[in-house]
Amino acid sequence: MIVETSQRTTSPELVQNIVSPLLKQPVPPMQPAMGFFTDTSICIGCKACEVACKQWNELPANEAHWSGTSYDNTRQLSATTWRHVQFIEQIGRERPQISTLPFFNNDRWLMHSDVCKHCANAPCQEACPTGAIIRTEFDTVYVQQDICNGCGYCVVACPFGVIARDEHASHTARKCTLCYDRMKDGIEPACAKACPTDSIQYGEVEQLKALARERVGLLHERGVSEARLYGVDDNMLDGGLNSFFLLLDEPAVYNLPQNPSRPSNNVVPASLWSIVTALVLSLLGIFFFSNNK
């Protein structure tokens, strides 16, 4: 019987194969900050972005559930819904200042494709205790699934209710990655690629901000005085948002906070109050026990 001998790996090669996965990889060179500009004035509510996002990222479909408050059955962003098109029905609005034809009424739908804001100073990243949430070379916020421990601190830190923990599969925090895998290959994110009206525009953040200001100025010239930008101002969250919006009503109508807060800004005041409270209780304790002697 002939026994075939397998080719043995030499000791240096064996050591290299064991150690190489543990070595730190070189940091990718920084690229221009990339993001989304979502123009709700031309969104038609087709939900192509939702479907494209789920298809590319292999996210499971949601069970259809009619809330009774909207034709939208997705309802909100979640660990398995990274793009969500809101349907906001406005009935009985006041007649706008611009003239309308007599056979048109003032009722309207507001469509809004919501997504992670990829904040310049992301509260979720500040709250993460394991370093699972990082900034990529494109200045986007990315959750490393192999490092996330599912603690949920990022969930409560996000002022927009974007990030969520997957309670049915991985039990880790999940959200929009801005199609990081496609970006590395120079490919447009799936949602922007699928949008038939170019309501979702992808590109360098500074260029998108200039485009957004130009667009809102054009709408104002055409009499749409209620048009406004959300997240373009760098004062929001001490740096602005890399994914921002053009809205046709107050942010609260779109379930967006007017002035989102960074939880980290409350650390120092809360710590000082804790120290003051501890000192006061200590002094009261000393005073109480000294009087009992």
C-alpha atoms as a PDB file:
ATOM      1  CA  MET A   1       0.000   0.000   0.000  1.00  0.00           C
ATOM      2  CA  ILE A   2       1.434   3.342  -1.061  1.00  0.00           C
ATOM      3  CA  VAL A   3       0.867   6.228   1.332  1.00  0.00           C
ATOM      4  CA  GLU A   4       0.971   9.682  -0.262  1.00  0.00           C
ATOM      5  CA  THR A   5       2.889  12.172   1.821  1.00  0.00           C
ATOM      6  CA  SER A   6       1.425  15.659   1.982  1.00  0.00           C
ATOM      7  CA  GLN A   7       3.664  18.635   1.368  1.00  0.00           C
ATOM      8  CA  ARG A   8       4.637  20.000   4.741  1.00  0.00           C
ATOM      9  CA  THR A   9       4.644  23.707   5.442  1.00  0.00           C
ATOM     10  CA  THR A  10       7.984  25.025   6.616  1.00  0.00           C
ATOM     11  CA  SER A  11       8.207  26.537  10.083  1.00  0.00           C
ATOM     12  CA  PRO A  12       8.561  30.187   8.941  1.00  0.00           C
ATOM     13  CA  GLU A  13       5.547  29.831   6.645  1.00  0.00           C
ATOM     14  CA  LEU A  14       3.505  28.219   9.410  1.00  0.00           C
ATOM     15  CA  VAL A  15       4.344  31.022  11.847  1.00  0.00           C
ATOM     16  CA  GLN A  16       3.476  33.631   9.222  1.00  0.00           C
ATOM     17  CA  ASN A  17       0.103  31.993   8.523  1.00  0.00           C
ATOM     18  CA  ILE A  18      -0.727  32.049  12.240  1.00  0.00           C
ATOM     19  CA  VAL A  19       0.480  35.574  12.976  1.00  0.00           C
ATOM     20  CA  SER A  20      -0.645  37.421   9.817  1.00  0.00           C
ATOM     21  CA  PRO A  21      -4.360  37.631  10.805  1.00  0.00           C
ATOM     22  CA  LEU A  22      -3.294  39.230  14.100  1.00  0.00           C
ATOM     23  CA  LEU A  23      -1.140  41.925  12.543  1.00  0.00           C
ATOM     24  CA  LYS A  24      -2.547  45.427  12.266  1.00  0.00           C
ATOM     25  CA  GLN A  25      -3.527  46.269   8.718  1.00  0.00           C
ATOM     26  CA  PRO A  26      -2.447  49.588   7.190  1.00  0.00           C
ATOM     27  CA  VAL A  27      -4.982  52.376   7.567  1.00  0.00           C
ATOM     28  CA  PRO A  28      -6.680  53.263   4.250  1.00  0.00           C
ATOM     29  CA  PRO A  29      -5.808  56.761   3.018  1.00  0.00           C
ATOM     30  CA  MET A  30      -8.386  59.393   3.901  1.00  0.00           C
ATOM     31  CA  GLN A  31     -10.857  60.331   1.191  1.00  0.00           C
ATOM     32  CA  PRO A  32     -13.194  63.348   0.832  1.00  0.00           C
ATOM     33  CA  ALA A  33     -16.159  63.153   3.207  1.00  0.00           C
ATOM     34  CA  MET A  34     -19.076  61.471   1.431  1.00  0.00           C
ATOM     35  CA  GLY A  35     -22.778  61.631   2.242  1.00  0.00           C
ATOM     36  CA  PHE A  36     -26.372  61.964   1.077  1.00  0.00           C
ATOM     37  CA  PHE A  37     -28.527  64.946   0.163  1.00  0.00           C
ATOM     38  CA  THR A  38     -32.185  63.909   0.226  1.00  0.00           C
ATOM     39  CA  ASP A  39     -34.537  66.375  -1.476  1.00  0.00           C
ATOM     40  CA  THR A  40     -38.029  65.588  -0.166  1.00  0.00           C
ATOM     41  CA  SER A  41     -39.612  68.040  -2.626  1.00  0.00           C
ATOM     42  CA  ILE A  42     -39.143  65.564  -5.477  1.00  0.00           C
ATOM     43  CA  CYS A  43     -39.615  62.301  -3.553  1.00  0.00           C
ATOM     44  CA  ILE A  44     -42.608  60.361  -4.958  1.00  0.00           C
ATOM     45  CA  GLY A  45     -42.766  57.737  -2.204  1.00  0.00           C
ATOM     46  CA  CYS A  46     -42.074  54.789  -4.506  1.00  0.00           C
ATOM     47  CA  LYS A  47     -39.888  53.082  -1.857  1.00  0.00           C
ATOM     48  CA  ALA A  48     -37.400  51.932  -4.499  1.00  0.00           C
ATOM     49  CA  CYS A  49     -34.638  53.029  -2.124  1.00  0.00           C
ATOM     50  CA  GLU A  50     -36.013  50.792   0.638  1.00  0.00           C
ATOM     51  CA  VAL A  51     -36.137  47.783  -1.644  1.00  0.00           C
ATOM     52  CA  ALA A  52     -32.681  48.427  -3.135  1.00  0.00           C
ATOM     53  CA  CYS A  53     -31.186  48.810   0.357  1.00  0.00           C
ATOM     54  CA  LYS A  54     -32.675  45.547   1.560  1.00  0.00           C
ATOM     55  CA  GLN A  55     -31.676  43.694  -1.586  1.00  0.00           C
ATOM     56  CA  TRP A  56     -28.053  44.843  -1.628  1.00  0.00           C
ATOM     57  CA  ASN A  57     -27.487  44.391   2.126  1.00  0.00           C
ATOM     58  CA  GLU A  58     -29.458  41.120   2.250  1.00  0.00           C
ATOM     59  CA  LEU A  59     -31.820  42.420   4.914  1.00  0.00           C
ATOM     60  CA  PRO A  60     -34.997  40.439   5.624  1.00  0.00           C
ATOM     61  CA  ALA A  61     -38.340  41.836   4.553  1.00  0.00           C
ATOM     62  CA  ASN A  62     -40.632  43.213   7.241  1.00  0.00           C
ATOM     63  CA  GLU A  63     -43.959  41.579   7.890  1.00  0.00           C
ATOM     64  CA  ALA A  64     -46.676  43.829   6.461  1.00  0.00           C
ATOM     65  CA  HIS A  65     -48.511  45.602   9.245  1.00  0.00           C
ATOM     66  CA  TRP A  66     -50.998  48.397   8.722  1.00  0.00           C
ATOM     67  CA  SER A  67     -50.640  50.893  11.545  1.00  0.00           C
ATOM     68  CA  GLY A  68     -53.948  52.637  10.841  1.00  0.00           C
ATOM     69  CA  THR A  69     -52.218  56.018  10.746  1.00  0.00           C
ATOM     70  CA  SER A  70     -50.515  55.888   7.350  1.00  0.00           C
ATOM     71  CA  TYR A  71     -50.222  53.973   4.088  1.00  0.00           C
ATOM     72  CA  ASP A  72     -46.613  53.353   5.067  1.00  0.00           C
ATOM     73  CA  ASN A  73     -46.296  49.864   6.562  1.00  0.00           C
ATOM     74  CA  THR A  74     -42.582  50.112   7.423  1.00  0.00           C
ATOM     75  CA  ARG A  75     -43.253  52.819  10.019  1.00  0.00           C
ATOM     76  CA  GLN A  76     -39.672  53.425  11.183  1.00  0.00           C
ATOM     77  CA  LEU A  77     -35.996  52.687  10.785  1.00  0.00           C
ATOM     78  CA  SER A  78     -34.806  49.501  12.448  1.00  0.00           C
ATOM     79  CA  ALA A  79     -31.982  46.979  12.538  1.00  0.00           C
ATOM     80  CA  THR A  80     -33.324  45.475   9.306  1.00  0.00           C
ATOM     81  CA  THR A  81     -34.685  48.661   7.670  1.00  0.00           C
ATOM     82  CA  TRP A  82     -31.895  51.132   6.925  1.00  0.00           C
ATOM     83  CA  ARG A  83     -33.918  53.336   4.552  1.00  0.00           C
ATOM     84  CA  HIS A  84     -37.484  54.295   5.394  1.00  0.00           C
ATOM     85  CA  VAL A  85     -39.842  56.392   3.280  1.00  0.00           C
ATOM     86  CA  GLN A  86     -42.322  58.258   5.454  1.00  0.00           C
ATOM     87  CA  PHE A  87     -45.821  59.038   4.143  1.00  0.00           C
ATOM     88  CA  ILE A  88     -47.094  62.179   5.869  1.00  0.00           C
ATOM     89  CA  GLU A  89     -50.650  63.112   4.966  1.00  0.00           C
ATOM     90  CA  GLN A  90     -51.666  66.743   5.526  1.00  0.00           C
ATOM     91  CA  ILE A  91     -55.388  67.481   5.263  1.00  0.00           C
ATOM     92  CA  GLY A  92     -57.079  70.885   5.648  1.00  0.00           C
ATOM     93  CA  ARG A  93     -54.013  73.024   5.146  1.00  0.00           C
ATOM     94  CA  GLU A  94     -54.338  76.789   4.787  1.00  0.00           C
ATOM     95  CA  ARG A  95     -54.331  78.019   1.210  1.00  0.00           C
ATOM     96  CA  PRO A  96     -50.775  78.931   0.176  1.00  0.00           C
ATOM     97  CA  GLN A  97     -49.936  82.452  -0.902  1.00  0.00           C
ATOM     98  CA  ILE A  98     -49.226  81.368  -4.458  1.00  0.00           C
ATOM     99  CA  SER A  99     -52.333  81.020  -6.624  1.00  0.00           C
ATOM    100  CA  THR A 100     -53.680  77.526  -7.330  1.00  0.00           C
ATOM    101  CA  LEU A 101     -56.084  76.320  -9.972  1.00  0.00           C
ATOM    102  CA  PRO A 102     -59.681  75.993  -8.711  1.00  0.00           C
ATOM    103  CA  PHE A 103     -59.821  72.223  -9.218  1.00  0.00           C
ATOM    104  CA  PHE A 104     -56.798  71.663  -6.944  1.00  0.00           C
ATOM    105  CA  ASN A 105     -57.140  71.603  -3.173  1.00  0.00           C
ATOM    106  CA  ASN A 106     -54.512  72.272  -0.544  1.00  0.00           C
ATOM    107  CA  ASP A 107     -54.219  68.732   0.808  1.00  0.00           C
ATOM    108  CA  ARG A 108     -50.878  67.079   0.178  1.00  0.00           C
ATOM    109  CA  TRP A 109     -48.566  64.174   0.881  1.00  0.00           C
ATOM    110  CA  LEU A 110     -45.093  64.752   2.230  1.00  0.00           C
ATOM    111  CA  MET A 111     -42.659  61.969   1.309  1.00  0.00           C
ATOM    112  CA  HIS A 112     -39.404  61.656   3.222  1.00  0.00           C
ATOM    113  CA  SER A 113     -36.750  58.976   2.717  1.00  0.00           C
ATOM    114  CA  ASP A 114     -35.109  58.789   6.129  1.00  0.00           C
ATOM    115  CA  VAL A 115     -31.674  57.290   6.754  1.00  0.00           C
ATOM    116  CA  CYS A 116     -28.734  57.421   9.144  1.00  0.00           C
ATOM    117  CA  LYS A 117     -27.365  60.960   9.343  1.00  0.00           C
ATOM    118  CA  HIS A 118     -23.680  59.909   9.624  1.00  0.00           C
ATOM    119  CA  CYS A 119     -23.126  62.788  12.045  1.00  0.00           C
ATOM    120  CA  ALA A 120     -19.785  64.568  11.984  1.00  0.00           C
ATOM    121  CA  ASN A 121     -19.727  64.056  15.769  1.00  0.00           C
ATOM    122  CA  ALA A 122     -21.789  60.899  16.133  1.00  0.00           C
ATOM    123  CA  PRO A 123     -23.317  60.381  19.598  1.00  0.00           C
ATOM    124  CA  CYS A 124     -23.543  56.638  18.927  1.00  0.00           C
ATOM    125  CA  GLN A 125     -19.789  56.457  18.384  1.00  0.00           C
ATOM    126  CA  GLU A 126     -19.123  58.459  21.547  1.00  0.00           C
ATOM    127  CA  ALA A 127     -21.293  56.083  23.569  1.00  0.00           C
ATOM    128  CA  CYS A 128     -19.807  52.838  22.202  1.00  0.00           C
ATOM    129  CA  PRO A 129     -17.703  51.154  24.944  1.00  0.00           C
ATOM    130  CA  THR A 130     -15.980  48.586  22.685  1.00  0.00           C
ATOM    131  CA  GLY A 131     -14.831  50.734  19.775  1.00  0.00           C
ATOM    132  CA  ALA A 132     -17.124  48.839  17.422  1.00  0.00           C
ATOM    133  CA  ILE A 133     -18.404  52.081  15.864  1.00  0.00           C
ATOM    134  CA  ILE A 134     -15.732  53.759  13.783  1.00  0.00           C
ATOM    135  CA  ARG A 135     -15.345  56.431  11.132  1.00  0.00           C
ATOM    136  CA  THR A 136     -14.287  55.137   7.736  1.00  0.00           C
ATOM    137  CA  GLU A 137     -11.888  56.827   5.345  1.00  0.00           C
ATOM    138  CA  PHE A 138     -14.983  58.441   3.775  1.00  0.00           C
ATOM    139  CA  ASP A 139     -15.932  60.032   7.143  1.00  0.00           C
ATOM    140  CA  THR A 140     -18.993  57.789   7.443  1.00  0.00           C
ATOM    141  CA  VAL A 141     -20.102  56.011  10.626  1.00  0.00           C
ATOM    142  CA  TYR A 142     -19.724  52.234  10.464  1.00  0.00           C
ATOM    143  CA  VAL A 143     -20.586  49.482  12.973  1.00  0.00           C
ATOM    144  CA  GLN A 144     -18.103  46.581  13.058  1.00  0.00           C
ATOM    145  CA  GLN A 145     -20.327  43.578  13.606  1.00  0.00           C
ATOM    146  CA  ASP A 146     -17.515  41.333  14.864  1.00  0.00           C
ATOM    147  CA  ILE A 147     -16.671  43.775  17.688  1.00  0.00           C
ATOM    148  CA  CYS A 148     -20.141  44.976  18.730  1.00  0.00           C
ATOM    149  CA  ASN A 149     -21.286  43.304  21.959  1.00  0.00           C
ATOM    150  CA  GLY A 150     -24.922  44.365  21.664  1.00  0.00           C
ATOM    151  CA  CYS A 151     -24.913  46.528  24.812  1.00  0.00           C
ATOM    152  CA  GLY A 152     -27.333  49.030  23.260  1.00  0.00           C
ATOM    153  CA  TYR A 153     -25.642  52.189  24.565  1.00  0.00           C
ATOM    154  CA  CYS A 154     -25.534  53.568  21.027  1.00  0.00           C
ATOM    155  CA  VAL A 155     -29.270  52.998  20.632  1.00  0.00           C
ATOM    156  CA  VAL A 156     -30.192  55.354  23.459  1.00  0.00           C
ATOM    157  CA  ALA A 157     -27.458  57.852  22.516  1.00  0.00           C
ATOM    158  CA  CYS A 158     -28.704  58.437  18.950  1.00  0.00           C
ATOM    159  CA  PRO A 159     -30.997  61.511  18.975  1.00  0.00           C
ATOM    160  CA  PHE A 160     -32.618  60.444  15.677  1.00  0.00           C
ATOM    161  CA  GLY A 161     -33.677  56.916  16.612  1.00  0.00           C
ATOM    162  CA  VAL A 162     -31.646  55.480  13.733  1.00  0.00           C
ATOM    163  CA  ILE A 163     -29.477  52.723  15.143  1.00  0.00           C
ATOM    164  CA  ALA A 164     -31.151  49.635  16.599  1.00  0.00           C
ATOM    165  CA  ARG A 165     -30.211  46.234  17.983  1.00  0.00           C
ATOM    166  CA  ASP A 166     -31.138  43.172  15.960  1.00  0.00           C
ATOM    167  CA  GLU A 167     -33.142  41.184  18.497  1.00  0.00           C
ATOM    168  CA  HIS A 168     -33.894  38.272  16.162  1.00  0.00           C
ATOM    169  CA  ALA A 169     -30.553  37.370  14.573  1.00  0.00           C
ATOM    170  CA  SER A 170     -27.138  38.832  15.442  1.00  0.00           C
ATOM    171  CA  HIS A 171     -28.201  40.743  18.611  1.00  0.00           C
ATOM    172  CA  THR A 172     -25.787  43.492  17.562  1.00  0.00           C
ATOM    173  CA  ALA A 173     -26.399  47.144  16.677  1.00  0.00           C
ATOM    174  CA  ARG A 174     -27.061  47.672  12.973  1.00  0.00           C
ATOM    175  CA  LYS A 175     -27.738  50.643  10.710  1.00  0.00           C
ATOM    176  CA  CYS A 176     -26.986  52.165   7.310  1.00  0.00           C
ATOM    177  CA  THR A 177     -23.367  51.730   6.256  1.00  0.00           C
ATOM    178  CA  LEU A 178     -23.738  54.180   3.345  1.00  0.00           C
ATOM    179  CA  CYS A 179     -22.927  51.079   1.274  1.00  0.00           C
ATOM    180  CA  TYR A 180     -19.304  51.070   2.458  1.00  0.00           C
ATOM    181  CA  ASP A 181     -18.536  48.009   0.350  1.00  0.00           C
ATOM    182  CA  ARG A 182     -19.764  49.788  -2.786  1.00  0.00           C
ATOM    183  CA  MET A 183     -17.985  53.040  -1.897  1.00  0.00           C
ATOM    184  CA  LYS A 184     -14.621  51.280  -1.667  1.00  0.00           C
ATOM    185  CA  ASP A 185     -15.103  50.178  -5.278  1.00  0.00           C
ATOM    186  CA  GLY A 186     -16.248  53.622  -6.421  1.00  0.00           C
ATOM    187  CA  ILE A 187     -19.883  52.540  -6.845  1.00  0.00           C
ATOM    188  CA  GLU A 188     -22.882  54.681  -5.903  1.00  0.00           C
ATOM    189  CA  PRO A 189     -24.885  53.437  -2.872  1.00  0.00           C
ATOM    190  CA  ALA A 190     -27.820  51.210  -3.764  1.00  0.00           C
ATOM    191  CA  CYS A 191     -30.569  53.586  -2.573  1.00  0.00           C
ATOM    192  CA  ALA A 192     -29.246  56.560  -4.564  1.00  0.00           C
ATOM    193  CA  LYS A 193     -28.713  54.363  -7.603  1.00  0.00           C
ATOM    194  CA  ALA A 194     -32.337  53.140  -7.492  1.00  0.00           C
ATOM    195  CA  CYS A 195     -34.009  56.532  -6.904  1.00  0.00           C
ATOM    196  CA  PRO A 196     -35.954  57.371 -10.110  1.00  0.00           C
ATOM    197  CA  THR A 197     -36.252  61.112  -9.400  1.00  0.00           C
ATOM    198  CA  ASP A 198     -32.742  61.739  -8.016  1.00  0.00           C
ATOM    199  CA  SER A 199     -34.319  62.728  -4.723  1.00  0.00           C
ATOM    200  CA  ILE A 200     -31.382  60.920  -3.077  1.00  0.00           C
ATOM    201  CA  GLN A 201     -28.078  62.358  -4.249  1.00  0.00           C
ATOM    202  CA  TYR A 202     -24.712  60.932  -3.255  1.00  0.00           C
ATOM    203  CA  GLY A 203     -21.362  62.683  -3.392  1.00  0.00           C
ATOM    204  CA  GLU A 204     -18.829  64.772  -1.528  1.00  0.00           C
ATOM    205  CA  VAL A 205     -20.448  66.483   1.441  1.00  0.00           C
ATOM    206  CA  GLU A 206     -19.246  69.996   0.638  1.00  0.00           C
ATOM    207  CA  GLN A 207     -20.451  69.748  -2.953  1.00  0.00           C
ATOM    208  CA  LEU A 208     -23.804  68.399  -1.801  1.00  0.00           C
ATOM    209  CA  LYS A 209     -24.203  71.262   0.678  1.00  0.00           C
ATOM    210  CA  ALA A 210     -23.619  73.791  -2.103  1.00  0.00           C
ATOM    211  CA  LEU A 211     -26.169  71.954  -4.245  1.00  0.00           C
ATOM    212  CA  ALA A 212     -28.668  71.924  -1.368  1.00  0.00           C
ATOM    213  CA  ARG A 213     -28.353  75.674  -0.780  1.00  0.00           C
ATOM    214  CA  GLU A 214     -28.810  76.307  -4.494  1.00  0.00           C
ATOM    215  CA  ARG A 215     -31.897  74.079  -4.581  1.00  0.00           C
ATOM    216  CA  VAL A 216     -33.600  75.701  -1.578  1.00  0.00           C
ATOM    217  CA  GLY A 217     -32.895  79.134  -3.068  1.00  0.00           C
ATOM    218  CA  LEU A 218     -34.555  78.073  -6.324  1.00  0.00           C
ATOM    219  CA  LEU A 219     -37.637  76.817  -4.451  1.00  0.00           C
ATOM    220  CA  HIS A 220     -37.886  80.119  -2.574  1.00  0.00           C
ATOM    221  CA  GLU A 221     -37.779  81.982  -5.897  1.00  0.00           C
ATOM    222  CA  ARG A 222     -40.649  79.816  -7.131  1.00  0.00           C
ATOM    223  CA  GLY A 223     -42.787  80.676  -4.118  1.00  0.00           C
ATOM    224  CA  VAL A 224     -42.170  77.588  -1.965  1.00  0.00           C
ATOM    225  CA  SER A 225     -41.296  79.663   1.064  1.00  0.00           C
ATOM    226  CA  GLU A 226     -41.653  76.761   3.506  1.00  0.00           C
ATOM    227  CA  ALA A 227     -38.674  74.891   1.992  1.00  0.00           C
ATOM    228  CA  ARG A 228     -35.769  74.611   4.416  1.00  0.00           C
ATOM    229  CA  LEU A 229     -32.559  72.644   4.910  1.00  0.00           C
ATOM    230  CA  TYR A 230     -31.977  70.293   7.817  1.00  0.00           C
ATOM    231  CA  GLY A 231     -28.520  69.211   8.963  1.00  0.00           C
ATOM    232  CA  VAL A 232     -26.485  71.459   6.645  1.00  0.00           C
ATOM    233  CA  ASP A 233     -25.649  73.885   9.460  1.00  0.00           C
ATOM    234  CA  ASP A 234     -22.407  72.871  11.185  1.00  0.00           C
ATOM    235  CA  ASN A 235     -23.864  73.989  14.520  1.00  0.00           C
ATOM    236  CA  MET A 236     -26.096  70.900  14.638  1.00  0.00           C
ATOM    237  CA  LEU A 237     -24.405  68.354  16.913  1.00  0.00           C
ATOM    238  CA  ASP A 238     -21.249  70.507  16.831  1.00  0.00           C
ATOM    239  CA  GLY A 239     -20.336  69.619  13.268  1.00  0.00           C
ATOM    240  CA  GLY A 240     -23.438  69.056  11.171  1.00  0.00           C
ATOM    241  CA  LEU A 241     -24.691  65.954   9.406  1.00  0.00           C
ATOM    242  CA  ASN A 242     -23.119  64.168   6.460  1.00  0.00           C
ATOM    243  CA  SER A 243     -26.589  63.047   5.378  1.00  0.00           C
ATOM    244  CA  PHE A 244     -28.949  66.008   5.307  1.00  0.00           C
ATOM    245  CA  PHE A 245     -32.358  66.921   3.934  1.00  0.00           C
ATOM    246  CA  LEU A 246     -34.462  69.530   2.188  1.00  0.00           C
ATOM    247  CA  LEU A 247     -37.821  69.658   3.993  1.00  0.00           C
ATOM    248  CA  LEU A 248     -41.144  71.274   3.135  1.00  0.00           C
ATOM    249  CA  ASP A 249     -42.331  71.728   6.720  1.00  0.00           C
ATOM    250  CA  GLU A 250     -41.060  71.902  10.274  1.00  0.00           C
ATOM    251  CA  PRO A 251     -38.614  69.122  11.252  1.00  0.00           C
ATOM    252  CA  ALA A 252     -41.073  67.849  13.880  1.00  0.00           C
ATOM    253  CA  VAL A 253     -43.528  66.984  11.086  1.00  0.00           C
ATOM    254  CA  TYR A 254     -40.918  64.535   9.783  1.00  0.00           C
ATOM    255  CA  ASN A 255     -40.202  63.194  13.288  1.00  0.00           C
ATOM    256  CA  LEU A 256     -36.843  64.974  13.343  1.00  0.00           C
ATOM    257  CA  PRO A 257     -35.630  66.859  16.451  1.00  0.00           C
ATOM    258  CA  GLN A 258     -35.287  70.604  16.040  1.00  0.00           C
ATOM    259  CA  ASN A 259     -32.110  70.751  18.129  1.00  0.00           C
ATOM    260  CA  PRO A 260     -30.667  67.250  18.648  1.00  0.00           C
ATOM    261  CA  SER A 261     -28.388  66.963  21.655  1.00  0.00           C
ATOM    262  CA  ARG A 262     -25.086  65.175  22.180  1.00  0.00           C
ATOM    263  CA  PRO A 263     -25.258  63.103  25.368  1.00  0.00           C
ATOM    264  CA  SER A 264     -21.532  63.702  25.874  1.00  0.00           C
ATOM    265  CA  ASN A 265     -22.265  67.398  26.465  1.00  0.00           C
ATOM    266  CA  ASN A 266     -24.158  66.395  29.621  1.00  0.00           C
ATOM    267  CA  VAL A 267     -21.309  64.379  31.146  1.00  0.00           C
ATOM    268  CA  VAL A 268     -19.460  67.269  32.827  1.00  0.00           C
ATOM    269  CA  PRO A 269     -22.577  69.032  34.239  1.00  0.00           C
ATOM    270  CA  ALA A 270     -24.041  65.727  35.438  1.00  0.00           C
ATOM    271  CA  SER A 271     -20.712  64.767  37.049  1.00  0.00           C
ATOM    272  CA  LEU A 272     -20.470  68.114  38.822  1.00  0.00           C
ATOM    273  CA  TRP A 273     -24.008  67.800  40.152  1.00  0.00           C
ATOM    274  CA  SER A 274     -23.212  64.259  41.340  1.00  0.00           C
ATOM    275  CA  ILE A 275     -20.151  65.532  43.201  1.00  0.00           C
ATOM    276  CA  VAL A 276     -22.111  68.409  44.751  1.00  0.00           C
ATOM    277  CA  THR A 277     -24.899  66.043  45.801  1.00  0.00           C
ATOM    278  CA  ALA A 278     -22.398  63.628  47.353  1.00  0.00           C
ATOM    279  CA  LEU A 279     -20.720  66.467  49.305  1.00  0.00           C
ATOM    280  CA  VAL A 280     -24.054  67.791  50.578  1.00  0.00           C
ATOM    281  CA  LEU A 281     -25.159  64.323  51.699  1.00  0.00           C
ATOM    282  CA  SER A 282     -21.777  63.766  53.369  1.00  0.00           C
ATOM    283  CA  LEU A 283     -22.031  67.055  55.269  1.00  0.00           C
ATOM    284  CA  LEU A 284     -25.589  66.272  56.328  1.00  0.00           C
ATOM    285  CA  GLY A 285     -24.463  62.847  57.531  1.00  0.00           C
ATOM    286  CA  ILE A 286     -21.602  64.332  59.524  1.00  0.00           C
ATOM    287  CA  PHE A 287     -23.922  66.983  61.024  1.00  0.00           C
ATOM    288  CA  PHE A 288     -26.581  64.372  61.877  1.00  0.00           C
ATOM    289  CA  PHE A 289     -24.206  61.942  63.611  1.00  0.00           C
ATOM    290  CA  SER A 290     -22.323  64.696  65.431  1.00  0.00           C
ATOM    291  CA  ASN A 291     -25.584  65.936  66.997  1.00  0.00           C
ATOM    292  CA  ASN A 292     -26.496  62.440  68.175  1.00  0.00           C
ATOM    293  CA  LYS A 293     -23.357  62.100  70.295  1.00  0.00           C
END
